[in-house]
Amino acid sequence: MKFWLASALGVLVLAGCASKQTLVPQVTQGVAADGAKTVTVAPEKVVCGTTAACPVLAASWTSAKAGQAVLTVGLPGQQAQVTGADFHFSGVDTVRLRLPSRGEAPALGYPAMAFDVPLRVVSQIAYTQRSWVRVHLAGGRTVDETINSGDQRGKAVESLSYFLAAVEASGGTGANAQRKGGLFEALGGDSK
């Protein structure tokens, strides 16, 4: 009887775990045919509140271009093609992306566009509080959503921080430009 009860409990625990979404972002590391190291992270959502469409962000990197990443912006549940994105950081810095990457956006099953960006931009998305994105669609429509409100962060923030850690471990350069912290630095002091 005890064995049966323990087995039933084990099956229930495993079933519960199988239905849960993964807690750790899906970061994949590998080596390309040319010997270059690669890192990719699966798409994750920003903070989604006001609209039915929720932008997702994904990224990839290769050591062949150590200071650059390919940032993919997608919009599940939409038919119109993504034509650009504006990332707003702390109300003082805006990065506008319009030129598609030389490589193809990953096939996600919904409209998405990939952009070649410096790793610094991915770092800003991952580490800047009070940030939001405006996704531009064909036909002139836009979708605005928060990335990090300071109180609430989208899953994309965490996934991109894991991505950057893997990139840095693989030899990426320029990713830590926004990694700031501490009262001294916030007040304008030089921590070096």
N, C-alpha and C. Protein backbone atom coordinates (compact mmCIF):
# COMPACT_ATOMS: atom_id res chain seq x y z
N MET A 1 0.82 -1.20 0.00
CA MET A 1 0.00 0.00 0.00
C MET A 1 0.87 1.26 0.00
N LYS A 2 1.94 1.25 0.81
CA LYS A 2 2.81 2.43 0.87
C LYS A 2 3.49 2.67 -0.48
N PHE A 3 3.90 1.57 -1.14
CA PHE A 3 4.53 1.71 -2.45
C PHE A 3 3.58 2.33 -3.45
N TRP A 4 2.33 1.88 -3.46
CA TRP A 4 1.33 2.42 -4.38
C TRP A 4 1.11 3.90 -4.13
N LEU A 5 1.01 4.30 -2.85
CA LEU A 5 0.79 5.71 -2.49
C LEU A 5 1.98 6.57 -2.91
N ALA A 6 3.19 6.07 -2.68
CA ALA A 6 4.39 6.80 -3.07
C ALA A 6 4.47 6.93 -4.60
N SER A 7 4.12 5.87 -5.30
CA SER A 7 4.14 5.91 -6.77
C SER A 7 3.13 6.90 -7.31
N ALA A 8 1.91 6.89 -6.75
CA ALA A 8 0.87 7.82 -7.20
C ALA A 8 1.29 9.26 -6.94
N LEU A 9 1.89 9.52 -5.79
CA LEU A 9 2.35 10.87 -5.46
C LEU A 9 3.45 11.31 -6.42
N GLY A 10 4.36 10.37 -6.73
CA GLY A 10 5.44 10.68 -7.68
C GLY A 10 4.91 11.03 -9.06
N VAL A 11 3.92 10.28 -9.52
CA VAL A 11 3.32 10.55 -10.83
C VAL A 11 2.64 11.91 -10.83
N LEU A 12 1.93 12.26 -9.78
CA LEU A 12 1.28 13.56 -9.70
C LEU A 12 2.30 14.70 -9.70
N VAL A 13 3.40 14.53 -8.97
CA VAL A 13 4.44 15.57 -8.94
C VAL A 13 5.04 15.73 -10.33
N LEU A 14 5.36 14.62 -11.00
CA LEU A 14 5.93 14.71 -12.35
C LEU A 14 4.95 15.33 -13.33
N ALA A 15 3.68 15.00 -13.23
CA ALA A 15 2.68 15.59 -14.12
C ALA A 15 2.57 17.08 -13.89
N GLY A 16 2.63 17.49 -12.64
CA GLY A 16 2.58 18.92 -12.32
C GLY A 16 3.78 19.65 -12.87
N CYS A 17 4.96 19.05 -12.76
CA CYS A 17 6.17 19.68 -13.28
C CYS A 17 6.13 19.76 -14.80
N ALA A 18 5.59 18.73 -15.44
CA ALA A 18 5.55 18.71 -16.90
C ALA A 18 4.64 19.80 -17.45
N SER A 19 3.63 20.21 -16.71
CA SER A 19 2.69 21.21 -17.22
C SER A 19 3.15 22.63 -16.94
N LYS A 20 4.17 22.79 -16.14
CA LYS A 20 4.68 24.13 -15.81
C LYS A 20 5.55 24.65 -16.95
N GLN A 21 5.54 25.96 -17.11
CA GLN A 21 6.41 26.58 -18.08
C GLN A 21 7.83 26.59 -17.52
N THR A 22 8.84 26.53 -18.38
CA THR A 22 10.21 26.52 -17.89
C THR A 22 10.52 27.83 -17.19
N LEU A 23 11.25 27.72 -16.07
CA LEU A 23 11.60 28.90 -15.30
C LEU A 23 12.88 29.53 -15.81
N VAL A 24 13.78 28.72 -16.34
CA VAL A 24 15.06 29.23 -16.84
C VAL A 24 14.94 29.43 -18.34
N PRO A 25 15.36 30.59 -18.85
CA PRO A 25 15.26 30.85 -20.29
C PRO A 25 16.02 29.81 -21.11
N GLN A 26 15.54 29.59 -22.31
CA GLN A 26 16.13 28.59 -23.21
C GLN A 26 17.29 29.20 -23.98
N VAL A 27 18.48 29.15 -23.38
CA VAL A 27 19.69 29.64 -24.02
C VAL A 27 20.45 28.44 -24.56
N THR A 28 20.81 28.49 -25.85
CA THR A 28 21.50 27.40 -26.50
C THR A 28 22.87 27.88 -26.96
N GLN A 29 23.91 27.10 -26.62
CA GLN A 29 25.26 27.41 -27.06
C GLN A 29 25.73 26.31 -28.01
N GLY A 30 26.54 26.70 -28.98
CA GLY A 30 27.03 25.71 -29.93
C GLY A 30 28.23 26.22 -30.68
N VAL A 31 28.59 25.48 -31.72
CA VAL A 31 29.71 25.84 -32.58
C VAL A 31 29.22 25.70 -34.02
N ALA A 32 29.39 26.75 -34.81
CA ALA A 32 28.98 26.74 -36.22
C ALA A 32 29.95 25.91 -37.06
N ALA A 33 29.60 25.64 -38.29
CA ALA A 33 30.43 24.85 -39.20
C ALA A 33 31.80 25.48 -39.42
N ASP A 34 31.86 26.82 -39.34
CA ASP A 34 33.14 27.51 -39.54
C ASP A 34 33.97 27.59 -38.26
N GLY A 35 33.49 26.98 -37.17
CA GLY A 35 34.23 26.98 -35.90
C GLY A 35 33.86 28.12 -34.97
N ALA A 36 33.01 29.03 -35.40
CA ALA A 36 32.61 30.15 -34.55
C ALA A 36 31.66 29.68 -33.46
N LYS A 37 31.83 30.22 -32.25
CA LYS A 37 30.91 29.91 -31.15
C LYS A 37 29.59 30.63 -31.41
N THR A 38 28.48 30.01 -31.01
CA THR A 38 27.16 30.63 -31.18
C THR A 38 26.38 30.55 -29.88
N VAL A 39 25.51 31.54 -29.69
CA VAL A 39 24.60 31.57 -28.54
C VAL A 39 23.25 32.08 -29.06
N THR A 40 22.18 31.41 -28.70
CA THR A 40 20.83 31.88 -29.05
C THR A 40 19.94 31.78 -27.83
N VAL A 41 18.92 32.62 -27.80
CA VAL A 41 17.91 32.53 -26.74
C VAL A 41 16.54 32.54 -27.40
N ALA A 42 15.66 31.69 -26.91
CA ALA A 42 14.31 31.57 -27.45
C ALA A 42 13.50 32.83 -27.16
N PRO A 43 12.46 33.11 -27.96
CA PRO A 43 11.63 34.29 -27.76
C PRO A 43 10.91 34.26 -26.42
N GLU A 44 10.87 35.42 -25.77
CA GLU A 44 10.12 35.60 -24.52
C GLU A 44 9.37 36.92 -24.61
N LYS A 45 8.28 37.01 -23.86
CA LYS A 45 7.41 38.19 -23.89
C LYS A 45 7.97 39.34 -23.05
N VAL A 46 7.62 40.56 -23.48
CA VAL A 46 7.83 41.74 -22.65
C VAL A 46 6.65 41.79 -21.68
N VAL A 47 6.54 42.83 -20.85
CA VAL A 47 5.38 42.97 -19.97
C VAL A 47 4.18 43.27 -20.85
N CYS A 48 3.14 42.49 -20.75
CA CYS A 48 2.00 42.68 -21.63
C CYS A 48 0.79 43.03 -20.81
N GLY A 49 0.23 44.19 -21.10
CA GLY A 49 -0.91 44.60 -20.30
C GLY A 49 -2.08 45.11 -21.10
N THR A 50 -1.87 46.14 -21.89
CA THR A 50 -2.99 46.87 -22.46
C THR A 50 -3.47 46.36 -23.81
N THR A 51 -2.65 45.63 -24.53
CA THR A 51 -3.05 45.20 -25.86
C THR A 51 -3.14 43.68 -25.93
N ALA A 52 -3.89 43.20 -26.89
CA ALA A 52 -3.99 41.75 -27.11
C ALA A 52 -2.71 41.22 -27.72
N ALA A 53 -2.00 42.06 -28.47
CA ALA A 53 -0.75 41.64 -29.09
C ALA A 53 0.39 41.88 -28.11
N CYS A 54 1.20 40.86 -27.88
CA CYS A 54 2.29 40.97 -26.92
C CYS A 54 3.62 40.72 -27.63
N PRO A 55 4.47 41.74 -27.78
CA PRO A 55 5.75 41.55 -28.45
C PRO A 55 6.64 40.55 -27.72
N VAL A 56 7.42 39.81 -28.52
CA VAL A 56 8.41 38.90 -27.98
C VAL A 56 9.78 39.31 -28.52
N LEU A 57 10.82 39.02 -27.73
CA LEU A 57 12.19 39.33 -28.12
C LEU A 57 13.03 38.06 -28.05
N ALA A 58 13.88 37.87 -29.03
CA ALA A 58 14.83 36.76 -29.07
C ALA A 58 16.15 37.32 -29.55
N ALA A 59 17.23 36.58 -29.35
CA ALA A 59 18.54 37.07 -29.79
C ALA A 59 19.44 35.91 -30.17
N SER A 60 20.41 36.22 -31.02
CA SER A 60 21.45 35.25 -31.38
C SER A 60 22.76 35.99 -31.53
N TRP A 61 23.86 35.24 -31.40
CA TRP A 61 25.20 35.83 -31.44
C TRP A 61 26.16 34.81 -32.01
N THR A 62 27.20 35.29 -32.68
CA THR A 62 28.28 34.44 -33.14
C THR A 62 29.61 35.12 -32.84
N SER A 63 30.61 34.32 -32.48
CA SER A 63 31.93 34.89 -32.18
C SER A 63 32.58 35.47 -33.43
N ALA A 64 32.06 35.15 -34.62
CA ALA A 64 32.57 35.75 -35.85
C ALA A 64 32.34 37.25 -35.86
N LYS A 65 31.31 37.71 -35.12
CA LYS A 65 31.02 39.14 -34.96
C LYS A 65 30.81 39.37 -33.46
N ALA A 66 31.91 39.37 -32.72
CA ALA A 66 31.87 39.30 -31.25
C ALA A 66 31.15 40.47 -30.58
N GLY A 67 31.10 41.62 -31.20
CA GLY A 67 30.46 42.78 -30.58
C GLY A 67 29.04 43.04 -31.06
N GLN A 68 28.47 42.10 -31.81
CA GLN A 68 27.17 42.31 -32.44
C GLN A 68 26.23 41.14 -32.13
N ALA A 69 24.95 41.42 -32.10
CA ALA A 69 23.92 40.37 -31.93
C ALA A 69 22.85 40.58 -32.99
N VAL A 70 22.05 39.56 -33.18
CA VAL A 70 20.86 39.67 -34.03
C VAL A 70 19.68 39.63 -33.07
N LEU A 71 18.96 40.75 -32.98
CA LEU A 71 17.81 40.88 -32.10
C LEU A 71 16.55 40.69 -32.94
N THR A 72 15.71 39.75 -32.53
CA THR A 72 14.47 39.48 -33.25
C THR A 72 13.29 40.01 -32.45
N VAL A 73 12.43 40.77 -33.11
CA VAL A 73 11.22 41.32 -32.52
C VAL A 73 10.05 40.67 -33.24
N GLY A 74 9.20 39.99 -32.48
CA GLY A 74 8.06 39.31 -33.06
C GLY A 74 6.76 39.75 -32.41
N LEU A 75 5.66 39.48 -33.10
CA LEU A 75 4.34 39.87 -32.59
C LEU A 75 3.34 38.74 -32.85
N PRO A 76 3.24 37.78 -31.91
CA PRO A 76 2.30 36.67 -32.08
C PRO A 76 0.86 37.17 -32.20
N GLY A 77 0.07 36.42 -32.94
CA GLY A 77 -1.35 36.73 -33.07
C GLY A 77 -1.65 37.85 -34.05
N GLN A 78 -0.68 38.28 -34.81
CA GLN A 78 -0.88 39.36 -35.77
C GLN A 78 -0.64 38.84 -37.18
N GLN A 79 -1.22 39.51 -38.16
CA GLN A 79 -1.01 39.16 -39.56
C GLN A 79 -0.05 40.13 -40.24
N ALA A 80 -0.05 41.40 -39.81
CA ALA A 80 0.79 42.42 -40.44
C ALA A 80 2.25 42.18 -40.11
N GLN A 81 3.11 42.38 -41.10
CA GLN A 81 4.54 42.17 -40.92
C GLN A 81 5.15 43.25 -40.02
N VAL A 82 6.09 42.85 -39.18
CA VAL A 82 6.86 43.80 -38.36
C VAL A 82 7.81 44.54 -39.30
N THR A 83 7.82 45.88 -39.21
CA THR A 83 8.69 46.68 -40.08
C THR A 83 9.76 47.45 -39.31
N GLY A 84 9.67 47.49 -37.99
CA GLY A 84 10.65 48.20 -37.20
C GLY A 84 10.30 48.16 -35.73
N ALA A 85 11.21 48.69 -34.92
CA ALA A 85 10.98 48.77 -33.48
C ALA A 85 11.75 49.94 -32.91
N ASP A 86 11.15 50.59 -31.91
CA ASP A 86 11.81 51.67 -31.18
C ASP A 86 11.91 51.23 -29.72
N PHE A 87 13.11 51.21 -29.18
CA PHE A 87 13.32 50.88 -27.77
C PHE A 87 13.61 52.16 -27.01
N HIS A 88 12.82 52.41 -25.97
CA HIS A 88 12.95 53.62 -25.16
C HIS A 88 13.49 53.24 -23.79
N PHE A 89 14.60 53.87 -23.38
CA PHE A 89 15.28 53.54 -22.14
C PHE A 89 15.30 54.73 -21.20
N SER A 90 14.66 54.60 -20.05
CA SER A 90 14.65 55.60 -18.97
C SER A 90 14.24 56.99 -19.43
N GLY A 91 13.52 57.09 -20.52
CA GLY A 91 13.04 58.38 -20.99
C GLY A 91 14.10 59.28 -21.60
N VAL A 92 15.35 58.81 -21.70
CA VAL A 92 16.41 59.67 -22.24
C VAL A 92 17.10 59.10 -23.47
N ASP A 93 16.96 57.81 -23.71
CA ASP A 93 17.66 57.19 -24.82
C ASP A 93 16.66 56.37 -25.64
N THR A 94 16.69 56.56 -26.95
CA THR A 94 15.83 55.79 -27.84
C THR A 94 16.68 55.17 -28.93
N VAL A 95 16.48 53.88 -29.16
CA VAL A 95 17.15 53.17 -30.24
C VAL A 95 16.08 52.78 -31.25
N ARG A 96 16.23 53.28 -32.49
CA ARG A 96 15.27 52.99 -33.55
C ARG A 96 15.86 51.96 -34.50
N LEU A 97 15.15 50.88 -34.71
CA LEU A 97 15.61 49.81 -35.59
C LEU A 97 14.68 49.73 -36.80
N ARG A 98 15.24 49.89 -37.99
CA ARG A 98 14.44 49.83 -39.21
C ARG A 98 15.04 48.89 -40.26
N LEU A 99 16.36 48.79 -40.31
CA LEU A 99 17.00 47.97 -41.33
C LEU A 99 17.04 46.52 -40.88
N PRO A 100 16.47 45.62 -41.68
CA PRO A 100 16.49 44.21 -41.28
C PRO A 100 17.90 43.64 -41.29
N SER A 101 18.09 42.61 -40.51
CA SER A 101 19.36 41.91 -40.44
C SER A 101 19.71 41.33 -41.80
N ARG A 102 20.98 41.13 -42.03
CA ARG A 102 21.40 40.47 -43.27
C ARG A 102 21.00 39.01 -43.27
N GLY A 103 20.85 38.44 -42.06
CA GLY A 103 20.38 37.07 -41.94
C GLY A 103 18.87 37.07 -41.79
N GLU A 104 18.27 35.93 -41.96
CA GLU A 104 16.82 35.80 -41.86
C GLU A 104 16.38 35.76 -40.39
N ALA A 105 15.21 36.29 -40.13
CA ALA A 105 14.61 36.15 -38.81
C ALA A 105 14.24 34.68 -38.63
N PRO A 106 14.36 34.17 -37.40
CA PRO A 106 13.96 32.77 -37.19
C PRO A 106 12.49 32.58 -37.53
N ALA A 107 12.16 31.40 -38.01
CA ALA A 107 10.76 31.07 -38.34
C ALA A 107 10.01 30.82 -37.04
N LEU A 108 9.19 31.77 -36.63
CA LEU A 108 8.48 31.67 -35.36
C LEU A 108 7.01 31.32 -35.54
N GLY A 109 6.51 31.40 -36.76
CA GLY A 109 5.10 31.13 -36.99
C GLY A 109 4.21 32.34 -36.84
N TYR A 110 4.81 33.51 -36.68
CA TYR A 110 4.10 34.78 -36.59
C TYR A 110 5.03 35.87 -37.10
N PRO A 111 4.51 37.07 -37.39
CA PRO A 111 5.35 38.14 -37.93
C PRO A 111 6.52 38.48 -37.00
N ALA A 112 7.70 38.55 -37.58
CA ALA A 112 8.91 38.89 -36.84
C ALA A 112 9.93 39.49 -37.78
N MET A 113 10.80 40.32 -37.23
CA MET A 113 11.90 40.89 -38.02
C MET A 113 13.15 40.86 -37.16
N ALA A 114 14.27 40.51 -37.78
CA ALA A 114 15.56 40.47 -37.09
C ALA A 114 16.36 41.71 -37.45
N PHE A 115 17.12 42.22 -36.47
CA PHE A 115 17.93 43.42 -36.64
C PHE A 115 19.34 43.15 -36.14
N ASP A 116 20.36 43.61 -36.89
CA ASP A 116 21.73 43.56 -36.42
C ASP A 116 21.95 44.74 -35.47
N VAL A 117 22.35 44.45 -34.23
CA VAL A 117 22.54 45.50 -33.23
C VAL A 117 23.84 45.27 -32.47
N PRO A 118 24.45 46.35 -31.95
CA PRO A 118 25.58 46.14 -31.04
C PRO A 118 25.09 45.43 -29.78
N LEU A 119 25.95 44.63 -29.16
CA LEU A 119 25.58 43.96 -27.92
C LEU A 119 25.12 44.95 -26.85
N ARG A 120 25.60 46.17 -26.94
CA ARG A 120 25.22 47.22 -26.00
C ARG A 120 23.71 47.42 -25.97
N VAL A 121 23.04 47.31 -27.13
CA VAL A 121 21.59 47.49 -27.20
C VAL A 121 20.88 46.36 -26.45
N VAL A 122 21.34 45.13 -26.63
CA VAL A 122 20.76 44.00 -25.90
C VAL A 122 20.97 44.20 -24.40
N SER A 123 22.14 44.71 -24.04
CA SER A 123 22.43 44.99 -22.63
C SER A 123 21.49 46.05 -22.07
N GLN A 124 21.19 47.07 -22.85
CA GLN A 124 20.24 48.10 -22.40
C GLN A 124 18.86 47.49 -22.16
N ILE A 125 18.42 46.62 -23.05
CA ILE A 125 17.12 45.97 -22.88
C ILE A 125 17.12 45.13 -21.60
N ALA A 126 18.21 44.42 -21.36
CA ALA A 126 18.28 43.51 -20.22
C ALA A 126 18.44 44.22 -18.88
N TYR A 127 19.12 45.37 -18.85
CA TYR A 127 19.49 45.96 -17.57
C TYR A 127 18.90 47.33 -17.26
N THR A 128 18.22 47.97 -18.21
CA THR A 128 17.68 49.30 -17.95
C THR A 128 16.28 49.21 -17.35
N GLN A 129 16.11 49.87 -16.22
CA GLN A 129 14.76 49.97 -15.65
C GLN A 129 14.02 51.07 -16.40
N ARG A 130 12.71 50.97 -16.38
CA ARG A 130 11.84 51.93 -17.05
C ARG A 130 12.14 51.99 -18.55
N SER A 131 11.81 50.89 -19.19
CA SER A 131 12.01 50.80 -20.64
C SER A 131 10.74 50.25 -21.29
N TRP A 132 10.55 50.62 -22.55
CA TRP A 132 9.39 50.14 -23.30
C TRP A 132 9.75 50.04 -24.77
N VAL A 133 8.91 49.33 -25.52
CA VAL A 133 9.16 49.13 -26.95
C VAL A 133 7.92 49.52 -27.74
N ARG A 134 8.14 50.11 -28.90
CA ARG A 134 7.09 50.37 -29.88
C ARG A 134 7.43 49.54 -31.11
N VAL A 135 6.54 48.61 -31.43
CA VAL A 135 6.73 47.75 -32.60
C VAL A 135 5.92 48.33 -33.74
N HIS A 136 6.59 48.57 -34.88
CA HIS A 136 5.94 49.12 -36.07
C HIS A 136 5.53 47.97 -36.99
N LEU A 137 4.30 48.07 -37.51
CA LEU A 137 3.76 47.06 -38.40
C LEU A 137 3.47 47.65 -39.76
N ALA A 138 3.44 46.79 -40.78
CA ALA A 138 3.05 47.22 -42.12
C ALA A 138 1.66 47.83 -42.05
N GLY A 139 1.45 48.90 -42.77
CA GLY A 139 0.17 49.60 -42.74
C GLY A 139 0.16 50.76 -41.76
N GLY A 140 1.26 50.98 -41.07
CA GLY A 140 1.37 52.14 -40.19
C GLY A 140 0.93 51.94 -38.75
N ARG A 141 0.42 50.76 -38.41
CA ARG A 141 -0.01 50.51 -37.04
C ARG A 141 1.19 50.27 -36.13
N THR A 142 1.06 50.62 -34.85
CA THR A 142 2.11 50.37 -33.87
C THR A 142 1.52 49.68 -32.64
N VAL A 143 2.37 48.96 -31.93
CA VAL A 143 2.01 48.33 -30.66
C VAL A 143 3.04 48.76 -29.64
N ASP A 144 2.59 49.37 -28.53
CA ASP A 144 3.47 49.82 -27.46
C ASP A 144 3.31 48.91 -26.24
N GLU A 145 4.42 48.44 -25.69
CA GLU A 145 4.39 47.63 -24.47
C GLU A 145 5.61 47.91 -23.62
N THR A 146 5.44 47.72 -22.33
CA THR A 146 6.52 47.91 -21.36
C THR A 146 7.47 46.73 -21.41
N ILE A 147 8.76 47.01 -21.28
CA ILE A 147 9.77 45.96 -21.12
C ILE A 147 10.06 45.78 -19.64
N ASN A 148 10.35 46.91 -18.96
CA ASN A 148 10.67 46.91 -17.54
C ASN A 148 10.14 48.21 -16.94
N SER A 149 9.17 48.10 -16.04
CA SER A 149 8.58 49.30 -15.43
C SER A 149 9.31 49.72 -14.17
N GLY A 150 10.27 48.93 -13.74
CA GLY A 150 10.91 49.17 -12.45
C GLY A 150 10.27 48.30 -11.38
N ASP A 151 8.96 48.09 -11.49
CA ASP A 151 8.24 47.21 -10.58
C ASP A 151 7.96 45.86 -11.21
N GLN A 152 7.81 45.85 -12.53
CA GLN A 152 7.46 44.64 -13.24
C GLN A 152 8.37 44.50 -14.46
N ARG A 153 8.90 43.29 -14.66
CA ARG A 153 9.78 43.02 -15.79
C ARG A 153 9.20 41.90 -16.64
N GLY A 154 9.33 42.06 -17.96
CA GLY A 154 8.90 40.99 -18.85
C GLY A 154 9.89 39.84 -18.81
N LYS A 155 9.45 38.65 -19.21
CA LYS A 155 10.34 37.49 -19.25
C LYS A 155 11.51 37.73 -20.20
N ALA A 156 11.31 38.59 -21.20
CA ALA A 156 12.38 38.89 -22.15
C ALA A 156 13.58 39.52 -21.45
N VAL A 157 13.35 40.29 -20.39
CA VAL A 157 14.45 40.92 -19.65
C VAL A 157 15.36 39.84 -19.07
N GLU A 158 14.77 38.88 -18.39
CA GLU A 158 15.58 37.82 -17.79
C GLU A 158 16.24 36.95 -18.85
N SER A 159 15.51 36.61 -19.91
CA SER A 159 16.10 35.75 -20.94
C SER A 159 17.29 36.44 -21.61
N LEU A 160 17.20 37.75 -21.84
CA LEU A 160 18.32 38.45 -22.46
C LEU A 160 19.50 38.60 -21.51
N SER A 161 19.25 38.67 -20.20
CA SER A 161 20.37 38.73 -19.26
C SER A 161 21.09 37.37 -19.23
N TYR A 162 20.35 36.26 -19.31
CA TYR A 162 20.99 34.94 -19.41
C TYR A 162 21.77 34.83 -20.72
N PHE A 163 21.18 35.33 -21.79
CA PHE A 163 21.84 35.33 -23.09
C PHE A 163 23.17 36.07 -23.02
N LEU A 164 23.16 37.27 -22.41
CA LEU A 164 24.38 38.07 -22.32
C LEU A 164 25.45 37.38 -21.48
N ALA A 165 25.05 36.71 -20.41
CA ALA A 165 26.02 35.98 -19.59
C ALA A 165 26.69 34.88 -20.42
N ALA A 166 25.91 34.17 -21.23
CA ALA A 166 26.47 33.12 -22.09
C ALA A 166 27.37 33.72 -23.16
N VAL A 167 26.98 34.87 -23.71
CA VAL A 167 27.80 35.54 -24.73
C VAL A 167 29.13 35.97 -24.13
N GLU A 168 29.10 36.59 -22.96
CA GLU A 168 30.34 37.02 -22.30
C GLU A 168 31.24 35.84 -22.00
N ALA A 169 30.67 34.72 -21.56
CA ALA A 169 31.46 33.53 -21.27
C ALA A 169 32.08 32.95 -22.54
N SER A 170 31.46 33.24 -23.69
CA SER A 170 31.96 32.74 -24.98
C SER A 170 32.87 33.73 -25.68
N GLY A 171 33.13 34.89 -25.07
CA GLY A 171 34.05 35.85 -25.66
C GLY A 171 33.42 37.06 -26.30
N GLY A 172 32.14 37.30 -26.09
CA GLY A 172 31.48 38.48 -26.64
C GLY A 172 32.05 39.75 -26.04
N THR A 173 32.04 40.83 -26.82
CA THR A 173 32.59 42.10 -26.33
C THR A 173 31.55 43.19 -26.41
N GLY A 174 31.61 44.11 -25.46
CA GLY A 174 30.73 45.28 -25.48
C GLY A 174 29.38 45.05 -24.85
N ALA A 175 29.15 43.91 -24.22
CA ALA A 175 27.83 43.61 -23.65
C ALA A 175 27.61 44.25 -22.30
N ASN A 176 28.65 44.55 -21.57
CA ASN A 176 28.47 45.03 -20.21
C ASN A 176 28.38 46.55 -20.10
N ALA A 177 28.09 47.22 -21.18
CA ALA A 177 28.05 48.68 -21.17
C ALA A 177 27.00 49.25 -20.24
N GLN A 178 25.90 48.55 -20.01
CA GLN A 178 24.83 49.08 -19.18
C GLN A 178 24.76 48.44 -17.80
N ARG A 179 25.66 47.54 -17.48
CA ARG A 179 25.61 46.87 -16.19
C ARG A 179 26.09 47.83 -15.13
N LYS A 180 25.19 48.56 -14.56
CA LYS A 180 25.52 49.58 -13.57
C LYS A 180 24.80 49.28 -12.28
N GLY A 181 25.33 49.79 -11.23
CA GLY A 181 24.65 49.56 -9.96
C GLY A 181 25.34 50.29 -8.84
N GLY A 182 24.68 50.36 -7.73
CA GLY A 182 25.25 51.00 -6.56
C GLY A 182 24.93 52.47 -6.48
N LEU A 183 24.82 52.95 -5.27
CA LEU A 183 24.50 54.34 -5.02
C LEU A 183 25.58 55.28 -5.55
N PHE A 184 26.86 54.91 -5.36
CA PHE A 184 27.96 55.76 -5.78
C PHE A 184 27.88 56.03 -7.28
N GLU A 185 27.65 54.98 -8.06
CA GLU A 185 27.56 55.14 -9.50
C GLU A 185 26.30 55.90 -9.91
N ALA A 186 25.19 55.67 -9.20
CA ALA A 186 23.94 56.37 -9.51
C ALA A 186 24.08 57.87 -9.29
N LEU A 187 24.94 58.26 -8.36
CA LEU A 187 25.15 59.68 -8.08
C LEU A 187 26.23 60.30 -8.98
N GLY A 188 26.74 59.50 -9.91
CA GLY A 188 27.69 60.07 -10.88
C GLY A 188 29.13 59.76 -10.57
N GLY A 189 29.40 58.95 -9.57
CA GLY A 189 30.78 58.61 -9.23
C GLY A 189 31.33 57.61 -10.20
N ASP A 190 32.66 57.59 -10.34
CA ASP A 190 33.33 56.63 -11.22
C ASP A 190 33.76 55.45 -10.37
N SER A 191 33.25 54.27 -10.68
CA SER A 191 33.54 53.09 -9.88
C SER A 191 34.85 52.42 -10.26
N LYS A 192 35.57 52.96 -11.22
CA LYS A 192 36.84 52.34 -11.64
C LYS A 192 37.97 52.76 -10.76
